[in-house]
Amino acid sequence: MSGFTSPVPGLPAPTLVDARPSAVVYCEGNFAGIDGKTANGLVRSSERYRIVAVIDSTCDSADAGVALGGQHAGIPVVATLNAALAVVARDSADIFAAAARPDVFIFGLAPLSGLMSDGDRDAVLEAIDEGLDIVSGLHEFLADDVEIALAADVAGVTLHDVRRPRPTKDLRMFDGAIDTVDCVRIAVLGTDGAIGKRTTCTILTEALNAAGIPTVMVGTGQTGLMQGAAYGVALDAIPAQFGVGELEGAVLAAWEAERPRVIVIEGQGALSHPAYLSSTVVLRAARPHGVILQHAPARTVLSDYPDVAMPTAGSEVALIEMFGRTRVVGMTINHEDMTDVEVSAAVALHEAQLDLPVTDALWRDPSELVVMVTGAFPALMGEHVATGTDMAGPIVATA
């Protein structure tokens, strides 16, 4: 690579190789859609895997980044697994390609049911037959499926069920240790599911670190864990009795290992959502000092419940602050079905209505997120970690 020289005079510079496992992401019929959120997230950001192709025969774009409305990502969208294998083989001479075949087949769909269709099942079996390890975030555990488990055993491949919780005997109950976590804790919650909370968490974490404020993200869903979140749990797969304790433990682990100045906690669903309880767990377990709300102004009904109207941003703010005994410090916009002009108008409208800073994490400069956080917690710009009333007080502890 340019600028990289050999430490030994007279010898060529070593080739830099991306050591991450290479992965094909399966997202048939849903890439860039709501039920494709796992694939969408992995294309946007992945520390754990090097994404080499996305499978979706219905996608109009040949490049995954373009399909998501962004810039060219160099990740082709193909119609079949065979086509994906051909792409990898063709590009295997590239210095960043570790092998002529991908290592992993990731199930990138996130349907409401958490289950596979017959076509999905066939795709998984085909990938096993090709010798690829399988990574799945479904509620339907592949290792418990007799046919799939047998096929994997015969092929000598590994099945990774990301959502499988630890044995019950090893699960953690809430014990209040969250009060020993002596840094700013910010949860990113939303007004609906599949609205961009994880993406905003990732961008916020990167932006704060880039600004010199050490920050760690705690994931709460299967996609964040697949992307490489070092701390977290697949919250919706944990038995209800242990959910608060398990997430408390993940936040505590991040604090004890990293001693960051900020911990960003990924939200799930929405506090107002009639079908999901995960946001209550996030508020109880993490006891965030502040919340950033993710909202899609053009969305009129809940994503998986077309008979249920979307809440307003204002009503969600009021509910979060009442239930969580915390405060919303800013809002981020999901720009689906909106133009840039409409986003600017929505920013101005919601800033006026909510008296909060508002931005679009993907379409606006990430520095706006940093200003949002440091405006709420000005001590982050100083040299000490401040908590309680020091941060931007007063902060009322959650019950």
Protein backbone atom coordinates (compact mmCIF):
# COMPACT_ATOMS: atom_id res chain seq x y z
CA MET A 1 0.00 0.00 0.00
CA SER A 2 1.13 3.57 -0.63
CA GLY A 3 3.27 4.96 2.20
CA PHE A 4 3.90 1.56 3.80
CA THR A 5 7.61 0.66 3.75
CA SER A 6 9.54 -2.40 4.80
CA PRO A 7 11.20 -2.21 8.23
CA VAL A 8 14.15 -4.13 6.72
CA PRO A 9 16.10 -2.23 4.04
CA GLY A 10 16.25 -4.04 0.75
CA LEU A 11 13.20 -6.21 1.43
CA PRO A 12 9.74 -5.53 -0.03
CA ALA A 13 7.07 -4.10 2.19
CA PRO A 14 4.72 -6.76 3.60
CA THR A 15 1.27 -7.10 2.09
CA LEU A 16 -1.53 -5.99 4.40
CA VAL A 17 -4.25 -8.63 4.59
CA ASP A 18 -7.71 -8.12 6.04
CA ALA A 19 -7.85 -10.90 8.63
CA ARG A 20 -11.60 -10.75 9.18
CA PRO A 21 -13.57 -13.79 7.98
CA SER A 22 -15.15 -13.08 4.60
CA ALA A 23 -18.93 -13.30 4.47
CA VAL A 24 -21.77 -13.52 1.98
CA VAL A 25 -24.99 -12.01 3.34
CA TYR A 26 -28.29 -13.60 2.34
CA CYS A 27 -31.19 -11.14 2.12
CA GLU A 28 -33.47 -12.48 -0.61
CA GLY A 29 -36.34 -10.12 -1.42
CA ASN A 30 -35.61 -7.63 1.35
CA PHE A 31 -32.25 -5.89 0.94
CA ALA A 32 -32.58 -2.16 1.69
CA GLY A 33 -36.00 -2.92 3.18
CA ILE A 34 -37.16 -3.07 6.79
CA ASP A 35 -36.89 -6.86 7.08
CA GLY A 36 -33.39 -6.66 5.61
CA LYS A 37 -32.09 -4.56 8.49
CA THR A 38 -29.44 -7.12 9.48
CA ALA A 39 -27.97 -7.16 5.97
CA ASN A 40 -28.33 -3.37 5.71
CA GLY A 41 -26.43 -2.89 8.95
CA LEU A 42 -23.62 -5.27 8.01
CA VAL A 43 -23.05 -3.47 4.72
CA ARG A 44 -22.88 -0.11 6.48
CA SER A 45 -20.55 -1.29 9.24
CA SER A 46 -18.88 -4.56 10.19
CA GLU A 47 -15.82 -4.99 12.39
CA ARG A 48 -16.23 -8.75 12.66
CA TYR A 49 -16.74 -9.78 9.01
CA ARG A 50 -15.52 -8.59 5.63
CA ILE A 51 -18.71 -8.50 3.58
CA VAL A 52 -17.97 -9.66 0.02
CA ALA A 53 -21.48 -9.95 -1.48
CA VAL A 54 -25.19 -9.65 -0.76
CA ILE A 55 -27.68 -12.12 -2.20
CA ASP A 56 -31.02 -10.65 -3.31
CA SER A 57 -32.34 -11.47 -6.78
CA THR A 58 -34.96 -8.70 -6.52
CA CYS A 59 -32.56 -5.81 -5.85
CA ASP A 60 -32.32 -3.25 -8.66
CA SER A 61 -28.81 -2.07 -7.76
CA ALA A 62 -25.59 -3.97 -8.48
CA ASP A 63 -23.82 -2.35 -5.53
CA ALA A 64 -24.95 -2.71 -1.92
CA GLY A 65 -23.96 0.80 -0.88
CA VAL A 66 -25.91 2.35 -3.73
CA ALA A 67 -28.93 0.16 -2.94
CA LEU A 68 -28.93 1.64 0.58
CA GLY A 69 -28.99 5.14 -0.83
CA GLY A 70 -25.34 5.83 -0.14
CA GLN A 71 -22.05 5.73 -1.97
CA HIS A 72 -20.56 2.83 -3.91
CA ALA A 73 -19.42 0.25 -1.34
CA GLY A 74 -17.68 -2.23 -3.62
CA ILE A 75 -19.98 -4.97 -2.33
CA PRO A 76 -21.87 -6.56 -5.23
CA VAL A 77 -25.52 -7.54 -4.96
CA VAL A 78 -26.05 -10.86 -6.75
CA ALA A 79 -28.96 -13.19 -7.42
CA THR A 80 -27.60 -16.51 -6.16
CA LEU A 81 -25.01 -18.07 -3.93
CA ASN A 82 -23.21 -19.43 -7.00
CA ALA A 83 -22.92 -15.89 -8.32
CA ALA A 84 -21.51 -14.74 -4.98
CA LEU A 85 -18.94 -17.52 -5.01
CA ALA A 86 -17.95 -16.55 -8.54
CA VAL A 87 -17.46 -12.93 -7.48
CA VAL A 88 -15.21 -13.93 -4.60
CA ALA A 89 -13.19 -16.26 -6.81
CA ARG A 90 -12.77 -13.51 -9.40
CA ASP A 91 -11.53 -11.03 -6.81
CA SER A 92 -9.32 -13.47 -4.90
CA ALA A 93 -6.15 -11.99 -6.39
CA ASP A 94 -6.84 -8.70 -4.58
CA ILE A 95 -4.37 -8.10 -1.71
CA PHE A 96 -7.24 -7.85 0.77
CA ALA A 97 -8.82 -11.17 -0.22
CA ALA A 98 -7.77 -13.97 2.09
CA ALA A 99 -9.13 -16.85 0.02
CA ALA A 100 -10.96 -17.71 -3.16
CA ARG A 101 -14.07 -18.71 -1.22
CA PRO A 102 -15.98 -16.89 1.50
CA ASP A 103 -15.77 -18.24 5.03
CA VAL A 104 -19.29 -17.49 6.21
CA PHE A 105 -22.90 -17.33 5.02
CA ILE A 106 -24.82 -14.81 7.12
CA PHE A 107 -28.60 -14.98 7.27
CA GLY A 108 -29.30 -11.28 6.83
CA LEU A 109 -33.08 -11.25 7.08
CA ALA A 110 -34.86 -10.14 10.26
CA PRO A 111 -38.54 -11.05 9.77
CA LEU A 112 -41.06 -10.24 12.47
CA SER A 113 -41.61 -13.95 13.09
CA GLY A 114 -37.89 -14.67 13.48
CA LEU A 115 -38.44 -17.80 11.35
CA MET A 116 -37.23 -19.04 7.97
CA SER A 117 -39.37 -19.57 4.89
CA ASP A 118 -38.95 -22.75 2.83
CA GLY A 119 -36.81 -20.79 0.36
CA ASP A 120 -34.63 -19.45 3.15
CA ARG A 121 -34.14 -22.95 4.46
CA ASP A 122 -33.05 -24.19 1.04
CA ALA A 123 -30.54 -21.33 0.84
CA VAL A 124 -29.04 -22.27 4.20
CA LEU A 125 -28.73 -25.93 3.19
CA GLU A 126 -27.10 -24.90 -0.11
CA ALA A 127 -24.54 -22.80 1.77
CA ILE A 128 -23.80 -25.70 4.11
CA ASP A 129 -23.31 -27.97 1.09
CA GLU A 130 -20.79 -25.42 -0.24
CA GLY A 131 -18.83 -25.68 2.99
CA LEU A 132 -19.66 -22.25 4.46
CA ASP A 133 -20.13 -21.70 8.19
CA ILE A 134 -23.58 -20.27 8.94
CA VAL A 135 -24.32 -17.25 11.12
CA SER A 136 -27.97 -16.64 11.98
CA GLY A 137 -29.78 -14.15 14.18
CA LEU A 138 -33.15 -15.87 13.96
CA HIS A 139 -35.27 -16.91 16.92
CA GLU A 140 -35.35 -20.29 15.18
CA PHE A 141 -32.03 -21.85 16.21
CA LEU A 142 -30.35 -23.69 13.35
CA ALA A 143 -28.46 -26.02 15.66
CA ASP A 144 -31.81 -27.33 16.98
CA ASP A 145 -33.01 -28.21 13.48
CA VAL A 146 -32.25 -31.90 12.92
CA GLU A 147 -31.81 -31.69 9.14
CA ILE A 148 -29.67 -28.55 9.20
CA ALA A 149 -27.57 -29.76 12.13
CA LEU A 150 -26.95 -33.10 10.42
CA ALA A 151 -26.02 -31.42 7.14
CA ALA A 152 -23.60 -29.13 8.98
CA ASP A 153 -22.02 -32.08 10.78
CA VAL A 154 -21.54 -33.99 7.52
CA ALA A 155 -20.07 -30.92 5.79
CA GLY A 156 -17.85 -30.08 8.75
CA VAL A 157 -19.18 -26.52 9.08
CA THR A 158 -20.17 -24.54 12.17
CA LEU A 159 -23.60 -23.12 12.98
CA HIS A 160 -23.60 -19.85 14.96
CA ASP A 161 -26.99 -18.97 16.52
CA VAL A 162 -26.34 -15.40 17.62
CA ARG A 163 -29.58 -15.05 19.54
CA ARG A 164 -29.13 -18.19 21.64
CA PRO A 165 -28.86 -17.07 25.28
CA ARG A 166 -26.50 -18.56 27.80
CA PRO A 167 -27.76 -21.49 29.88
CA THR A 168 -30.33 -20.34 32.42
CA LYS A 169 -28.05 -21.24 35.32
CA ASP A 170 -25.51 -18.71 34.00
CA LEU A 171 -27.92 -15.81 33.44
CA ARG A 172 -27.59 -12.74 35.60
CA MET A 173 -30.22 -11.07 37.77
CA PHE A 174 -30.26 -7.30 38.27
CA ASP A 175 -28.31 -6.31 41.37
CA GLY A 176 -27.89 -2.55 41.12
CA ALA A 177 -24.24 -2.64 40.04
CA ILE A 178 -25.15 -0.20 37.25
CA ASP A 179 -24.79 2.57 39.85
CA THR A 180 -21.05 1.87 40.01
CA VAL A 181 -20.62 2.65 36.30
CA ASP A 182 -19.07 6.10 36.64
CA CYS A 183 -19.45 7.51 33.13
CA VAL A 184 -22.08 9.15 30.97
CA ARG A 185 -24.62 6.60 29.70
CA ILE A 186 -26.69 7.47 26.63
CA ALA A 187 -29.42 5.23 25.22
CA VAL A 188 -30.62 5.58 21.64
CA LEU A 189 -34.34 4.80 21.63
CA GLY A 190 -36.90 5.18 18.86
CA THR A 191 -40.53 5.69 17.95
CA ASP A 192 -40.71 2.31 16.14
CA GLY A 193 -38.76 -0.84 15.41
CA ALA A 194 -36.38 -1.03 12.42
CA ILE A 195 -35.97 2.73 12.46
CA GLY A 196 -32.19 3.13 12.57
CA LYS A 197 -31.30 3.10 16.27
CA ARG A 198 -28.34 0.76 15.81
CA THR A 199 -26.96 2.78 12.88
CA THR A 200 -27.19 5.98 14.90
CA CYS A 201 -25.46 4.25 17.84
CA THR A 202 -22.60 3.16 15.60
CA ILE A 203 -22.14 6.61 14.04
CA LEU A 204 -22.43 8.33 17.43
CA THR A 205 -19.82 6.02 18.98
CA GLU A 206 -17.40 6.58 16.11
CA ALA A 207 -17.96 10.35 16.17
CA LEU A 208 -17.35 10.68 19.91
CA ASN A 209 -14.17 8.60 19.71
CA ALA A 210 -12.98 10.69 16.76
CA ALA A 211 -13.57 13.80 18.88
CA GLY A 212 -11.29 12.41 21.59
CA ILE A 213 -14.06 11.25 23.95
CA PRO A 214 -13.49 7.53 24.65
CA THR A 215 -16.80 5.81 23.97
CA VAL A 216 -17.99 2.19 23.92
CA MET A 217 -21.21 0.85 22.41
CA VAL A 218 -23.28 -1.86 24.05
CA GLY A 219 -25.38 -3.78 21.54
CA THR A 220 -28.80 -5.21 22.33
CA GLY A 221 -29.70 -6.96 19.07
CA GLN A 222 -28.38 -9.68 16.82
CA THR A 223 -27.14 -7.30 14.11
CA GLY A 224 -24.96 -5.27 16.47
CA LEU A 225 -23.41 -8.46 17.80
CA MET A 226 -22.76 -9.68 14.25
CA GLN A 227 -21.17 -6.35 13.39
CA GLY A 228 -18.68 -6.88 16.17
CA ALA A 229 -20.01 -5.15 19.29
CA ALA A 230 -17.66 -6.34 22.02
CA TYR A 231 -20.31 -5.93 24.70
CA GLY A 232 -24.00 -6.71 24.61
CA VAL A 233 -26.79 -9.26 24.55
CA ALA A 234 -29.53 -10.20 22.10
CA LEU A 235 -32.09 -8.73 24.44
CA ASP A 236 -35.27 -10.10 22.87
CA ALA A 237 -34.03 -13.69 23.29
CA ILE A 238 -33.35 -13.43 27.04
CA PRO A 239 -36.04 -14.78 29.42
CA ALA A 240 -37.89 -11.82 30.88
CA GLN A 241 -36.73 -12.47 34.45
CA PHE A 242 -33.08 -12.07 33.43
CA GLY A 243 -33.22 -9.36 30.74
CA VAL A 244 -32.49 -6.40 33.01
CA GLY A 245 -29.68 -8.24 34.79
CA GLU A 246 -28.05 -9.46 31.58
CA LEU A 247 -28.00 -5.97 30.05
CA GLU A 248 -26.82 -4.44 33.32
CA GLY A 249 -23.98 -6.96 33.23
CA ALA A 250 -23.06 -6.02 29.65
CA VAL A 251 -22.87 -2.32 30.53
CA LEU A 252 -20.87 -3.16 33.64
CA ALA A 253 -18.45 -5.29 31.58
CA ALA A 254 -17.91 -2.43 29.13
CA TRP A 255 -17.15 -0.06 31.99
CA GLU A 256 -14.80 -2.38 33.85
CA ALA A 257 -12.83 -3.35 30.73
CA GLU A 258 -12.63 0.00 28.94
CA ARG A 259 -13.24 2.77 31.50
CA PRO A 260 -14.77 4.97 28.76
CA ARG A 261 -16.17 8.43 29.31
CA VAL A 262 -19.38 7.51 27.48
CA ILE A 263 -21.29 4.26 27.02
CA VAL A 264 -23.86 4.25 24.22
CA ILE A 265 -26.63 1.67 24.63
CA GLU A 266 -28.56 0.47 21.59
CA GLY A 267 -32.33 0.57 22.02
CA GLN A 268 -34.84 -1.95 20.72
CA GLY A 269 -38.39 -1.39 19.49
CA ALA A 270 -40.02 1.63 21.11
CA LEU A 271 -41.27 2.32 24.60
CA SER A 272 -44.73 3.07 23.18
CA HIS A 273 -44.78 0.04 20.86
CA PRO A 274 -47.65 -2.35 21.68
CA ALA A 275 -45.65 -5.49 20.82
CA TYR A 276 -42.17 -4.90 22.25
CA LEU A 277 -40.93 -4.60 25.83
CA SER A 278 -37.20 -4.20 25.17
CA SER A 279 -37.08 -0.43 25.62
CA THR A 280 -38.31 -0.83 29.19
CA VAL A 281 -35.40 -3.20 29.84
CA VAL A 282 -32.89 -0.72 28.35
CA LEU A 283 -34.15 2.06 30.61
CA ARG A 284 -34.22 -0.11 33.73
CA ALA A 285 -30.89 -1.87 33.14
CA ALA A 286 -28.73 0.95 31.79
CA ARG A 287 -30.29 3.82 33.75
CA PRO A 288 -29.20 6.25 31.04
CA HIS A 289 -28.38 9.81 31.98
CA GLY A 290 -29.65 10.89 28.57
CA VAL A 291 -31.60 9.53 25.60
CA ILE A 292 -31.36 10.31 21.91
CA LEU A 293 -34.63 9.62 20.10
CA GLN A 294 -34.67 8.21 16.56
CA HIS A 295 -37.78 9.13 14.54
CA ALA A 296 -39.00 8.69 10.96
CA PRO A 297 -41.19 11.72 10.15
CA ALA A 298 -42.53 10.24 6.90
CA ARG A 299 -43.60 6.97 8.53
CA THR A 300 -47.32 7.13 9.32
CA VAL A 301 -47.87 3.62 10.73
CA LEU A 302 -45.71 1.19 12.66
CA SER A 303 -43.44 -0.81 10.35
CA ASP A 304 -44.85 -4.26 11.10
CA TYR A 305 -48.28 -3.12 12.27
CA PRO A 306 -50.00 -1.16 9.49
CA ASP A 307 -53.15 -0.64 11.55
CA VAL A 308 -51.27 1.16 14.32
CA ALA A 309 -50.43 4.83 13.83
CA MET A 310 -46.93 6.08 14.52
CA PRO A 311 -46.49 8.09 17.73
CA THR A 312 -45.32 11.66 17.47
CA ALA A 313 -41.80 12.48 18.55
CA GLY A 314 -43.21 14.70 21.29
CA SER A 315 -45.39 11.97 22.77
CA GLU A 316 -42.47 9.53 22.80
CA VAL A 317 -40.20 12.07 24.51
CA ALA A 318 -42.82 12.59 27.24
CA LEU A 319 -43.25 8.84 27.74
CA ILE A 320 -39.50 8.17 27.93
CA GLU A 321 -38.89 10.96 30.42
CA MET A 322 -41.80 9.90 32.61
CA PHE A 323 -41.05 6.16 32.61
CA GLY A 324 -37.27 6.29 32.57
CA ARG A 325 -36.86 9.27 34.89
CA THR A 326 -34.22 10.53 32.50
CA ARG A 327 -34.18 13.20 29.81
CA VAL A 328 -34.13 13.20 26.05
CA VAL A 329 -31.14 15.28 24.93
CA GLY A 330 -31.65 15.23 21.17
CA MET A 331 -33.37 13.63 18.21
CA THR A 332 -32.10 11.96 15.04
CA ILE A 333 -34.10 11.52 11.86
CA ASN A 334 -34.57 8.45 9.73
CA HIS A 335 -34.92 9.97 6.26
CA GLU A 336 -36.82 7.11 4.59
CA ASP A 337 -39.13 8.44 1.83
CA MET A 338 -37.81 11.97 2.38
CA THR A 339 -35.77 14.37 0.27
CA ASP A 340 -32.90 16.41 1.65
CA VAL A 341 -35.14 19.50 1.61
CA GLU A 342 -37.80 17.62 3.59
CA VAL A 343 -35.20 16.48 6.12
CA SER A 344 -34.05 20.06 6.64
CA ALA A 345 -37.65 21.13 7.17
CA ALA A 346 -38.24 18.29 9.63
CA VAL A 347 -35.10 19.24 11.55
CA ALA A 348 -36.27 22.83 11.90
CA LEU A 349 -39.83 21.80 12.83
CA HIS A 350 -38.82 19.32 15.52
CA GLU A 351 -36.17 21.62 16.98
CA ALA A 352 -38.88 24.24 17.39
CA GLN A 353 -41.46 21.80 18.77
CA LEU A 354 -39.19 19.90 21.14
CA ASP A 355 -36.63 22.57 22.01
CA LEU A 356 -33.94 19.97 21.33
CA PRO A 357 -31.08 19.64 18.82
CA VAL A 358 -32.07 17.50 15.83
CA THR A 359 -29.96 15.97 13.05
CA ASP A 360 -29.82 13.14 10.52
CA ALA A 361 -27.01 10.78 11.49
CA LEU A 362 -26.49 9.53 7.95
CA TRP A 363 -27.08 12.67 5.86
CA ARG A 364 -25.60 15.31 8.17
CA ASP A 365 -22.09 15.74 9.58
CA PRO A 366 -21.44 13.37 12.51
CA SER A 367 -19.97 16.31 14.41
CA GLU A 368 -23.56 17.42 14.99
CA LEU A 369 -24.02 14.33 17.16
CA VAL A 370 -20.94 15.26 19.16
CA VAL A 371 -22.29 18.77 19.71
CA MET A 372 -25.63 17.25 20.76
CA VAL A 373 -23.96 15.13 23.43
CA THR A 374 -21.42 17.65 24.69
CA GLY A 375 -24.12 20.30 24.82
CA ALA A 376 -26.07 18.07 27.18
CA PHE A 377 -22.99 16.92 29.12
CA PRO A 378 -20.46 19.77 28.91
CA ALA A 379 -18.12 18.14 31.42
CA LEU A 380 -17.19 15.67 28.65
CA MET A 381 -15.13 18.46 27.15
CA GLY A 382 -13.10 18.66 30.38
CA GLU A 383 -10.53 16.30 31.80
CA HIS A 384 -12.58 14.37 34.35
CA VAL A 385 -15.46 11.99 34.01
CA ALA A 386 -18.51 13.57 35.53
CA THR A 387 -21.64 11.80 36.71
CA GLY A 388 -24.82 12.61 38.56
CA THR A 389 -25.55 16.32 38.82
CA ASP A 390 -22.09 17.24 37.48
CA MET A 391 -22.94 16.07 33.99
CA ALA A 392 -25.62 18.60 33.14
CA GLY A 393 -27.73 18.20 36.21
CA PRO A 394 -29.85 17.52 37.77
CA ILE A 395 -30.08 13.85 36.87
CA VAL A 396 -32.69 11.87 38.77
CA ALA A 397 -31.72 8.26 39.38
CA THR A 398 -34.10 5.67 37.98
CA ALA A 399 -36.10 3.51 40.32
